[in-house]
């Protein structure tokens, strides 16, 4: 598999909704996962980097965790 294929498949970026949707889609394919790796932090603009982490923690993680809890309740 070429690097481009791997990066297209395993790297997600964008709005909180886009990232959450892609993670939830990936989760449906792979099953539940317990860890997300936040990589590629660009500290050239510290405020932007901080905002990105806040959005991940407050919006994306919330949706992914809620989906995991809902699925666990069904199982």
PDB file of N, CA and C in Angstrom:
ATOM      1  N   UNK A   1       0.842  -1.173   0.000  1.00  0.00           N
ATOM      2  CA  UNK A   1       0.000   0.000   0.000  1.00  0.00           C
ATOM      3  C   UNK A   1       0.887   1.236   0.000  1.00  0.00           C
ATOM      4  N   UNK A   2       0.574   2.183  -0.811  1.00  0.00           N
ATOM      5  CA  UNK A   2       1.352   3.414  -0.893  1.00  0.00           C
ATOM      6  C   UNK A   2       1.055   4.319   0.298  1.00  0.00           C
ATOM      7  N   UNK A   3       2.052   5.140   0.632  1.00  0.00           N
ATOM      8  CA  UNK A   3       1.886   6.084   1.737  1.00  0.00           C
ATOM      9  C   UNK A   3       0.663   6.966   1.532  1.00  0.00           C
ATOM     10  N   UNK A   4       0.444   7.419   0.298  1.00  0.00           N
ATOM     11  CA  UNK A   4      -0.698   8.296   0.028  1.00  0.00           C
ATOM     12  C   UNK A   4      -2.007   7.610   0.402  1.00  0.00           C
ATOM     13  N   UNK A   5      -2.091   6.318   0.122  1.00  0.00           N
ATOM     14  CA  UNK A   5      -3.305   5.578   0.472  1.00  0.00           C
ATOM     15  C   UNK A   5      -3.468   5.479   1.981  1.00  0.00           C
ATOM     16  N   UNK A   6      -2.379   5.230   2.661  1.00  0.00           N
ATOM     17  CA  UNK A   6      -2.429   5.137   4.121  1.00  0.00           C
ATOM     18  C   UNK A   6      -2.801   6.487   4.718  1.00  0.00           C
ATOM     19  N   UNK A   7      -2.160   7.545   4.254  1.00  0.00           N
ATOM     20  CA  UNK A   7      -2.450   8.860   4.819  1.00  0.00           C
ATOM     21  C   UNK A   7      -3.881   9.299   4.510  1.00  0.00           C
ATOM     22  N   UNK A   8      -4.372   8.976   3.321  1.00  0.00           N
ATOM     23  CA  UNK A   8      -5.760   9.312   2.996  1.00  0.00           C
ATOM     24  C   UNK A   8      -6.731   8.550   3.892  1.00  0.00           C
ATOM     25  N   UNK A   9      -6.352   7.370   4.271  1.00  0.00           N
ATOM     26  CA  UNK A   9      -7.225   6.488   5.046  1.00  0.00           C
ATOM     27  C   UNK A   9      -7.166   6.756   6.545  1.00  0.00           C
ATOM     28  N   UNK A  10      -5.996   7.152   7.044  1.00  0.00           N
ATOM     29  CA  UNK A  10      -5.809   7.215   8.496  1.00  0.00           C
ATOM     30  C   UNK A  10      -5.582   8.607   9.058  1.00  0.00           C
ATOM     31  N   UNK A  11      -5.514   9.609   8.228  1.00  0.00           N
ATOM     32  CA  UNK A  11      -5.340  10.978   8.719  1.00  0.00           C
ATOM     33  C   UNK A  11      -6.626  11.735   8.464  1.00  0.00           C
ATOM     34  N   UNK A  12      -7.155  12.329   9.502  1.00  0.00           N
ATOM     35  CA  UNK A  12      -8.377  13.109   9.357  1.00  0.00           C
ATOM     36  C   UNK A  12      -8.127  14.525   9.834  1.00  0.00           C
ATOM     37  N   UNK A  13      -8.796  15.446   9.216  1.00  0.00           N
ATOM     38  CA  UNK A  13      -8.628  16.860   9.543  1.00  0.00           C
ATOM     39  C   UNK A  13      -9.883  17.600   9.075  1.00  0.00           C
ATOM     40  N   UNK A  14     -10.091  18.782   9.597  1.00  0.00           N
ATOM     41  CA  UNK A  14     -11.218  19.600   9.157  1.00  0.00           C
ATOM     42  C   UNK A  14     -12.008  20.127  10.321  1.00  0.00           C
ATOM     43  N   UNK A  15     -13.270  20.399  10.057  1.00  0.00           N
ATOM     44  CA  UNK A  15     -14.154  20.919  11.095  1.00  0.00           C
ATOM     45  C   UNK A  15     -14.394  19.835  12.143  1.00  0.00           C
ATOM     46  N   UNK A  16     -14.837  20.221  13.332  1.00  0.00           N
ATOM     47  CA  UNK A  16     -15.151  19.202  14.340  1.00  0.00           C
ATOM     48  C   UNK A  16     -16.170  18.172  13.842  1.00  0.00           C
ATOM     49  N   UNK A  17     -17.167  18.610  13.099  1.00  0.00           N
ATOM     50  CA  UNK A  17     -18.158  17.672  12.580  1.00  0.00           C
ATOM     51  C   UNK A  17     -17.537  16.690  11.588  1.00  0.00           C
ATOM     52  N   UNK A  18     -16.699  17.191  10.687  1.00  0.00           N
ATOM     53  CA  UNK A  18     -16.054  16.332   9.691  1.00  0.00           C
ATOM     54  C   UNK A  18     -15.154  15.309  10.379  1.00  0.00           C
ATOM     55  N   UNK A  19     -14.359  15.756  11.328  1.00  0.00           N
ATOM     56  CA  UNK A  19     -13.446  14.851  12.035  1.00  0.00           C
ATOM     57  C   UNK A  19     -14.236  13.803  12.812  1.00  0.00           C
ATOM     58  N   UNK A  20     -15.262  14.223  13.533  1.00  0.00           N
ATOM     59  CA  UNK A  20     -16.073  13.270  14.298  1.00  0.00           C
ATOM     60  C   UNK A  20     -16.746  12.269  13.367  1.00  0.00           C
ATOM     61  N   UNK A  21     -17.306  12.737  12.264  1.00  0.00           N
ATOM     62  CA  UNK A  21     -17.956  11.827  11.314  1.00  0.00           C
ATOM     63  C   UNK A  21     -16.975  10.798  10.772  1.00  0.00           C
ATOM     64  N   UNK A  22     -15.775  11.231  10.412  1.00  0.00           N
ATOM     65  CA  UNK A  22     -14.780  10.310   9.871  1.00  0.00           C
ATOM     66  C   UNK A  22     -14.301   9.315  10.924  1.00  0.00           C
ATOM     67  N   UNK A  23     -14.128   9.770  12.161  1.00  0.00           N
ATOM     68  CA  UNK A  23     -13.722   8.848  13.226  1.00  0.00           C
ATOM     69  C   UNK A  23     -14.814   7.823  13.520  1.00  0.00           C
ATOM     70  N   UNK A  24     -16.060   8.273  13.509  1.00  0.00           N
ATOM     71  CA  UNK A  24     -17.156   7.337  13.760  1.00  0.00           C
ATOM     72  C   UNK A  24     -17.318   6.341  12.617  1.00  0.00           C
ATOM     73  N   UNK A  25     -17.085   6.778  11.398  1.00  0.00           N
ATOM     74  CA  UNK A  25     -17.114   5.874  10.251  1.00  0.00           C
ATOM     75  C   UNK A  25     -15.991   4.839  10.363  1.00  0.00           C
ATOM     76  N   UNK A  26     -14.805   5.302  10.724  1.00  0.00           N
ATOM     77  CA  UNK A  26     -13.672   4.396  10.905  1.00  0.00           C
ATOM     78  C   UNK A  26     -13.951   3.405  12.028  1.00  0.00           C
ATOM     79  N   UNK A  27     -14.569   3.879  13.090  1.00  0.00           N
ATOM     80  CA  UNK A  27     -14.906   3.028  14.236  1.00  0.00           C
ATOM     81  C   UNK A  27     -15.884   1.927  13.828  1.00  0.00           C
ATOM     82  N   UNK A  28     -16.811   2.235  12.931  1.00  0.00           N
ATOM     83  CA  UNK A  28     -17.753   1.216  12.454  1.00  0.00           C
ATOM     84  C   UNK A  28     -17.025   0.112  11.698  1.00  0.00           C
ATOM     85  N   UNK A  29     -15.974   0.466  11.004  1.00  0.00           N
ATOM     86  CA  UNK A  29     -15.208  -0.520  10.244  1.00  0.00           C
ATOM     87  C   UNK A  29     -14.298  -1.359  11.136  1.00  0.00           C
ATOM     88  N   UNK A  30     -13.697  -0.716  12.138  1.00  0.00           N
ATOM     89  CA  UNK A  30     -12.654  -1.384  12.920  1.00  0.00           C
ATOM     90  C   UNK A  30     -13.124  -1.897  14.276  1.00  0.00           C
ATOM     91  N   UNK A  31     -14.209  -1.359  14.767  1.00  0.00           N
ATOM     92  CA  UNK A  31     -14.635  -1.636  16.129  1.00  0.00           C
ATOM     93  C   UNK A  31     -14.128  -0.522  17.043  1.00  0.00           C
ATOM     94  N   UNK A  32     -14.478  -0.643  18.298  1.00  0.00           N
ATOM     95  CA  UNK A  32     -14.131   0.398  19.262  1.00  0.00           C
ATOM     96  C   UNK A  32     -12.619   0.506  19.417  1.00  0.00           C
ATOM     97  N   UNK A  33     -12.144   1.708  19.599  1.00  0.00           N
ATOM     98  CA  UNK A  33     -10.733   1.926  19.876  1.00  0.00           C
ATOM     99  C   UNK A  33     -10.622   2.877  21.053  1.00  0.00           C
ATOM    100  N   UNK A  34      -9.559   2.751  21.820  1.00  0.00           N
ATOM    101  CA  UNK A  34      -9.465   3.497  23.058  1.00  0.00           C
ATOM    102  C   UNK A  34      -8.551   4.703  23.016  1.00  0.00           C
ATOM    103  N   UNK A  35      -7.814   4.878  21.935  1.00  0.00           N
ATOM    104  CA  UNK A  35      -6.829   5.953  21.908  1.00  0.00           C
ATOM    105  C   UNK A  35      -6.862   6.685  20.576  1.00  0.00           C
ATOM    106  N   UNK A  36      -6.802   7.996  20.646  1.00  0.00           N
ATOM    107  CA  UNK A  36      -6.597   8.824  19.459  1.00  0.00           C
ATOM    108  C   UNK A  36      -5.237   9.468  19.581  1.00  0.00           C
ATOM    109  N   UNK A  37      -4.519   9.510  18.496  1.00  0.00           N
ATOM    110  CA  UNK A  37      -3.222  10.172  18.475  1.00  0.00           C
ATOM    111  C   UNK A  37      -3.376  11.512  17.777  1.00  0.00           C
ATOM    112  N   UNK A  38      -3.130  12.566  18.507  1.00  0.00           N
ATOM    113  CA  UNK A  38      -3.188  13.913  17.953  1.00  0.00           C
ATOM    114  C   UNK A  38      -1.767  14.269  17.546  1.00  0.00           C
ATOM    115  N   UNK A  39      -1.532  14.348  16.271  1.00  0.00           N
ATOM    116  CA  UNK A  39      -0.179  14.594  15.773  1.00  0.00           C
ATOM    117  C   UNK A  39      -0.183  15.799  14.844  1.00  0.00           C
ATOM    118  N   UNK A  40       0.997  16.251  14.507  1.00  0.00           N
ATOM    119  CA  UNK A  40       1.119  17.359  13.560  1.00  0.00           C
ATOM    120  C   UNK A  40       0.737  18.698  14.149  1.00  0.00           C
ATOM    121  N   UNK A  41       0.965  18.854  15.434  1.00  0.00           N
ATOM    122  CA  UNK A  41       0.664  20.146  16.061  1.00  0.00           C
ATOM    123  C   UNK A  41       1.576  21.211  15.467  1.00  0.00           C
ATOM    124  N   UNK A  42       0.991  22.252  15.002  1.00  0.00           N
ATOM    125  CA  UNK A  42       1.752  23.347  14.410  1.00  0.00           C
ATOM    126  C   UNK A  42       1.761  24.512  15.391  1.00  0.00           C
ATOM    127  N   UNK A  43       2.879  24.675  16.070  1.00  0.00           N
ATOM    128  CA  UNK A  43       2.965  25.735  17.065  1.00  0.00           C
ATOM    129  C   UNK A  43       3.451  27.049  16.467  1.00  0.00           C
ATOM    130  N   UNK A  44       3.468  27.165  15.135  1.00  0.00           N
ATOM    131  CA  UNK A  44       3.791  28.452  14.526  1.00  0.00           C
ATOM    132  C   UNK A  44       2.754  29.482  14.956  1.00  0.00           C
ATOM    133  N   UNK A  45       1.532  29.021  15.173  1.00  0.00           N
ATOM    134  CA  UNK A  45       0.461  29.870  15.684  1.00  0.00           C
ATOM    135  C   UNK A  45      -0.100  29.185  16.931  1.00  0.00           C
ATOM    136  N   UNK A  46       0.455  29.484  18.098  1.00  0.00           N
ATOM    137  CA  UNK A  46       0.036  28.797  19.324  1.00  0.00           C
ATOM    138  C   UNK A  46      -1.462  28.897  19.607  1.00  0.00           C
ATOM    139  N   UNK A  47      -2.077  30.026  19.306  1.00  0.00           N
ATOM    140  CA  UNK A  47      -3.513  30.171  19.551  1.00  0.00           C
ATOM    141  C   UNK A  47      -4.319  29.213  18.673  1.00  0.00           C
ATOM    142  N   UNK A  48      -3.911  29.062  17.430  1.00  0.00           N
ATOM    143  CA  UNK A  48      -4.584  28.145  16.515  1.00  0.00           C
ATOM    144  C   UNK A  48      -4.390  26.699  16.962  1.00  0.00           C
ATOM    145  N   UNK A  49      -3.170  26.345  17.373  1.00  0.00           N
ATOM    146  CA  UNK A  49      -2.912  24.996  17.865  1.00  0.00           C
ATOM    147  C   UNK A  49      -3.731  24.671  19.101  1.00  0.00           C
ATOM    148  N   UNK A  50      -3.808  25.627  20.012  1.00  0.00           N
ATOM    149  CA  UNK A  50      -4.590  25.442  21.245  1.00  0.00           C
ATOM    150  C   UNK A  50      -6.069  25.295  20.925  1.00  0.00           C
ATOM    151  N   UNK A  51      -6.560  26.133  20.016  1.00  0.00           N
ATOM    152  CA  UNK A  51      -7.976  26.078  19.625  1.00  0.00           C
ATOM    153  C   UNK A  51      -8.309  24.721  19.012  1.00  0.00           C
ATOM    154  N   UNK A  52      -7.413  24.198  18.203  1.00  0.00           N
ATOM    155  CA  UNK A  52      -7.621  22.898  17.582  1.00  0.00           C
ATOM    156  C   UNK A  52      -7.761  21.808  18.640  1.00  0.00           C
ATOM    157  N   UNK A  53      -6.898  21.835  19.650  1.00  0.00           N
ATOM    158  CA  UNK A  53      -6.975  20.838  20.713  1.00  0.00           C
ATOM    159  C   UNK A  53      -8.250  20.984  21.539  1.00  0.00           C
ATOM    160  N   UNK A  54      -8.659  22.214  21.769  1.00  0.00           N
ATOM    161  CA  UNK A  54      -9.905  22.454  22.512  1.00  0.00           C
ATOM    162  C   UNK A  54     -11.098  21.893  21.740  1.00  0.00           C
ATOM    163  N   UNK A  55     -11.143  22.145  20.433  1.00  0.00           N
ATOM    164  CA  UNK A  55     -12.248  21.630  19.623  1.00  0.00           C
ATOM    165  C   UNK A  55     -12.265  20.100  19.647  1.00  0.00           C
ATOM    166  N   UNK A  56     -11.097  19.490  19.570  1.00  0.00           N
ATOM    167  CA  UNK A  56     -11.031  18.032  19.626  1.00  0.00           C
ATOM    168  C   UNK A  56     -11.584  17.530  20.960  1.00  0.00           C
ATOM    169  N   UNK A  57     -11.142  18.141  22.043  1.00  0.00           N
ATOM    170  CA  UNK A  57     -11.549  17.700  23.381  1.00  0.00           C
ATOM    171  C   UNK A  57     -13.025  17.969  23.659  1.00  0.00           C
ATOM    172  N   UNK A  58     -13.522  19.115  23.245  1.00  0.00           N
ATOM    173  CA  UNK A  58     -14.876  19.507  23.624  1.00  0.00           C
ATOM    174  C   UNK A  58     -15.949  19.042  22.650  1.00  0.00           C
ATOM    175  N   UNK A  59     -15.618  18.892  21.385  1.00  0.00           N
ATOM    176  CA  UNK A  59     -16.651  18.545  20.412  1.00  0.00           C
ATOM    177  C   UNK A  59     -16.456  17.160  19.806  1.00  0.00           C
ATOM    178  N   UNK A  60     -15.279  16.895  19.301  1.00  0.00           N
ATOM    179  CA  UNK A  60     -15.043  15.621  18.629  1.00  0.00           C
ATOM    180  C   UNK A  60     -15.070  14.478  19.632  1.00  0.00           C
ATOM    181  N   UNK A  61     -14.294  14.585  20.676  1.00  0.00           N
ATOM    182  CA  UNK A  61     -14.204  13.506  21.664  1.00  0.00           C
ATOM    183  C   UNK A  61     -15.560  13.241  22.291  1.00  0.00           C
ATOM    184  N   UNK A  62     -16.321  14.279  22.531  1.00  0.00           N
ATOM    185  CA  UNK A  62     -17.656  14.118  23.114  1.00  0.00           C
ATOM    186  C   UNK A  62     -18.529  13.236  22.222  1.00  0.00           C
ATOM    187  N   UNK A  63     -18.532  13.486  20.910  1.00  0.00           N
ATOM    188  CA  UNK A  63     -19.353  12.687  19.992  1.00  0.00           C
ATOM    189  C   UNK A  63     -18.866  11.248  19.895  1.00  0.00           C
ATOM    190  N   UNK A  64     -17.559  11.053  19.834  1.00  0.00           N
ATOM    191  CA  UNK A  64     -17.000   9.702  19.725  1.00  0.00           C
ATOM    192  C   UNK A  64     -17.304   8.918  21.016  1.00  0.00           C
ATOM    193  N   UNK A  65     -17.105   9.550  22.163  1.00  0.00           N
ATOM    194  CA  UNK A  65     -17.396   8.868  23.442  1.00  0.00           C
ATOM    195  C   UNK A  65     -18.876   8.540  23.582  1.00  0.00           C
ATOM    196  N   UNK A  66     -19.749   9.457  23.165  1.00  0.00           N
ATOM    197  CA  UNK A  66     -21.186   9.209  23.241  1.00  0.00           C
ATOM    198  C   UNK A  66     -21.575   8.023  22.364  1.00  0.00           C
ATOM    199  N   UNK A  67     -20.995   7.929  21.194  1.00  0.00           N
ATOM    200  CA  UNK A  67     -21.281   6.796  20.294  1.00  0.00           C
ATOM    201  C   UNK A  67     -20.790   5.494  20.908  1.00  0.00           C
ATOM    202  N   UNK A  68     -19.628   5.531  21.557  1.00  0.00           N
ATOM    203  CA  UNK A  68     -19.096   4.324  22.209  1.00  0.00           C
ATOM    204  C   UNK A  68     -20.006   3.863  23.331  1.00  0.00           C
ATOM    205  N   UNK A  69     -20.477   4.811  24.136  1.00  0.00           N
ATOM    206  CA  UNK A  69     -21.379   4.461  25.245  1.00  0.00           C
ATOM    207  C   UNK A  69     -22.702   3.911  24.719  1.00  0.00           C
ATOM    208  N   UNK A  70     -23.226   4.519  23.660  1.00  0.00           N
ATOM    209  CA  UNK A  70     -24.478   4.046  23.080  1.00  0.00           C
ATOM    210  C   UNK A  70     -24.321   2.635  22.537  1.00  0.00           C
ATOM    211  N   UNK A  71     -23.209   2.369  21.877  1.00  0.00           N
ATOM    212  CA  UNK A  71     -22.959   1.030  21.328  1.00  0.00           C
ATOM    213  C   UNK A  71     -22.789   0.011  22.455  1.00  0.00           C
ATOM    214  N   UNK A  72     -22.106   0.394  23.529  1.00  0.00           N
ATOM    215  CA  UNK A  72     -21.924  -0.515  24.671  1.00  0.00           C
ATOM    216  C   UNK A  72     -23.260  -0.866  25.308  1.00  0.00           C
ATOM    217  N   UNK A  73     -24.181   0.086  25.324  1.00  0.00           N
ATOM    218  CA  UNK A  73     -25.501  -0.171  25.908  1.00  0.00           C
ATOM    219  C   UNK A  73     -26.285  -1.171  25.060  1.00  0.00           C
ATOM    220  N   UNK A  74     -26.065  -1.172  23.761  1.00  0.00           N
ATOM    221  CA  UNK A  74     -26.750  -2.096  22.851  1.00  0.00           C
ATOM    222  C   UNK A  74     -26.150  -3.496  22.957  1.00  0.00           C
ATOM    223  N   UNK A  75     -24.826  -3.540  23.109  1.00  0.00           N
ATOM    224  CA  UNK A  75     -24.122  -4.837  23.188  1.00  0.00           C
ATOM    225  C   UNK A  75     -24.402  -5.458  24.501  1.00  0.00           C
TER     226      UNK A  75
END
